[in-house]
Amino acid sequence: RCMAGTLLLHIGVDLFLEGVKDSYGDYDTLEYSGIWLITIVMVVFGMSAALIAGAVAALSVYLFQSIT
């Protein structure tokens, strides 16, 4: 059990760093704030709420970028 927990923690930290830290310069401010929104919603409310927040963030970013 300890080895499985350690592996899950290691993979979770690695995925977090890859998704949030390493993508810092790749996206503009609005898209990057959507990544942080999804991350915070996932930590606070869970995966299902994060999927909905991600869909809303993606549609909002698309709409805003299409207008400007």
C-alpha atoms as a PDB file:
ATOM      1  CA  ARG A   1       0.000   0.000   0.000  1.00  0.00           C
ATOM      2  CA  CYS A   2       2.772   2.407   0.815  1.00  0.00           C
ATOM      3  CA  MET A   3       4.437   1.856  -2.558  1.00  0.00           C
ATOM      4  CA  ALA A   4       1.165   2.432  -4.439  1.00  0.00           C
ATOM      5  CA  GLY A   5       0.510   5.643  -2.497  1.00  0.00           C
ATOM      6  CA  THR A   6       4.020   6.884  -3.188  1.00  0.00           C
ATOM      7  CA  LEU A   7       3.632   6.128  -6.889  1.00  0.00           C
ATOM      8  CA  LEU A   8       0.287   7.944  -7.063  1.00  0.00           C
ATOM      9  CA  LEU A   9       1.754  10.950  -5.259  1.00  0.00           C
ATOM     10  CA  HIS A  10       4.765  11.042  -7.573  1.00  0.00           C
ATOM     11  CA  ILE A  11       2.611  10.819 -10.699  1.00  0.00           C
ATOM     12  CA  GLY A  12       0.185  13.444  -9.349  1.00  0.00           C
ATOM     13  CA  VAL A  13       2.948  15.935  -8.614  1.00  0.00           C
ATOM     14  CA  ASP A  14       4.564  15.294 -11.995  1.00  0.00           C
ATOM     15  CA  LEU A  15       1.276  15.813 -13.857  1.00  0.00           C
ATOM     16  CA  PHE A  16       0.559  18.982 -11.877  1.00  0.00           C
ATOM     17  CA  LEU A  17       3.972  20.440 -12.682  1.00  0.00           C
ATOM     18  CA  GLU A  18       3.626  19.502 -16.340  1.00  0.00           C
ATOM     19  CA  GLY A  19       0.142  20.980 -16.647  1.00  0.00           C
ATOM     20  CA  VAL A  20       0.562  24.169 -14.639  1.00  0.00           C
ATOM     21  CA  LYS A  21       4.220  25.099 -14.246  1.00  0.00           C
ATOM     22  CA  ASP A  22       5.707  23.898 -17.530  1.00  0.00           C
ATOM     23  CA  SER A  23       2.913  25.402 -19.638  1.00  0.00           C
ATOM     24  CA  TYR A  24       3.417  28.916 -18.252  1.00  0.00           C
ATOM     25  CA  GLY A  25       4.843  30.540 -21.404  1.00  0.00           C
ATOM     26  CA  ASP A  26       2.911  28.457 -23.930  1.00  0.00           C
ATOM     27  CA  TYR A  27      -0.507  30.093 -23.491  1.00  0.00           C
ATOM     28  CA  ASP A  28      -1.764  33.638 -23.211  1.00  0.00           C
ATOM     29  CA  THR A  29      -3.065  35.022 -19.923  1.00  0.00           C
ATOM     30  CA  LEU A  30      -6.714  34.154 -20.491  1.00  0.00           C
ATOM     31  CA  GLU A  31      -5.994  30.532 -21.430  1.00  0.00           C
ATOM     32  CA  TYR A  32      -3.551  30.120 -18.552  1.00  0.00           C
ATOM     33  CA  SER A  33      -6.110  31.483 -16.077  1.00  0.00           C
ATOM     34  CA  GLY A  34      -8.501  28.806 -17.392  1.00  0.00           C
ATOM     35  CA  ILE A  35      -5.914  26.167 -16.499  1.00  0.00           C
ATOM     36  CA  TRP A  36      -5.708  27.555 -12.965  1.00  0.00           C
ATOM     37  CA  LEU A  37      -9.515  27.708 -12.735  1.00  0.00           C
ATOM     38  CA  ILE A  38      -9.774  24.035 -13.658  1.00  0.00           C
ATOM     39  CA  THR A  39      -7.027  23.125 -11.184  1.00  0.00           C
ATOM     40  CA  ILE A  40      -8.633  24.986  -8.286  1.00  0.00           C
ATOM     41  CA  VAL A  41     -12.121  23.642  -9.034  1.00  0.00           C
ATOM     42  CA  MET A  42     -10.719  20.104  -9.207  1.00  0.00           C
ATOM     43  CA  VAL A  43      -9.005  20.422  -5.833  1.00  0.00           C
ATOM     44  CA  VAL A  44     -12.007  21.978  -4.103  1.00  0.00           C
ATOM     45  CA  PHE A  45     -14.993  20.266  -5.741  1.00  0.00           C
ATOM     46  CA  GLY A  46     -13.692  17.187  -7.578  1.00  0.00           C
ATOM     47  CA  MET A  47     -13.309  15.841 -11.080  1.00  0.00           C
ATOM     48  CA  SER A  48     -16.913  16.169 -12.282  1.00  0.00           C
ATOM     49  CA  ALA A  49     -17.105  19.841 -11.384  1.00  0.00           C
ATOM     50  CA  ALA A  50     -13.706  20.406 -13.012  1.00  0.00           C
ATOM     51  CA  LEU A  51     -14.961  18.909 -16.275  1.00  0.00           C
ATOM     52  CA  ILE A  52     -17.862  21.348 -16.282  1.00  0.00           C
ATOM     53  CA  ALA A  53     -15.582  24.245 -15.339  1.00  0.00           C
ATOM     54  CA  GLY A  54     -13.190  23.243 -18.118  1.00  0.00           C
ATOM     55  CA  ALA A  55     -15.962  23.206 -20.701  1.00  0.00           C
ATOM     56  CA  VAL A  56     -17.227  26.613 -19.553  1.00  0.00           C
ATOM     57  CA  ALA A  57     -13.683  28.030 -19.503  1.00  0.00           C
ATOM     58  CA  ALA A  58     -12.923  26.674 -22.986  1.00  0.00           C
ATOM     59  CA  LEU A  59     -16.135  28.094 -24.446  1.00  0.00           C
ATOM     60  CA  SER A  60     -15.560  31.444 -22.728  1.00  0.00           C
ATOM     61  CA  VAL A  61     -11.984  31.694 -23.987  1.00  0.00           C
ATOM     62  CA  TYR A  62     -13.101  30.773 -27.511  1.00  0.00           C
ATOM     63  CA  LEU A  63     -15.879  33.346 -27.427  1.00  0.00           C
ATOM     64  CA  PHE A  64     -13.618  36.096 -26.093  1.00  0.00           C
ATOM     65  CA  GLN A  65     -10.857  35.341 -28.613  1.00  0.00           C
ATOM     66  CA  SER A  66     -13.364  35.238 -31.464  1.00  0.00           C
ATOM     67  CA  ILE A  67     -14.753  38.655 -30.569  1.00  0.00           C
ATOM     68  CA  THR A  68     -11.380  40.397 -30.271  1.00  0.00           C
END
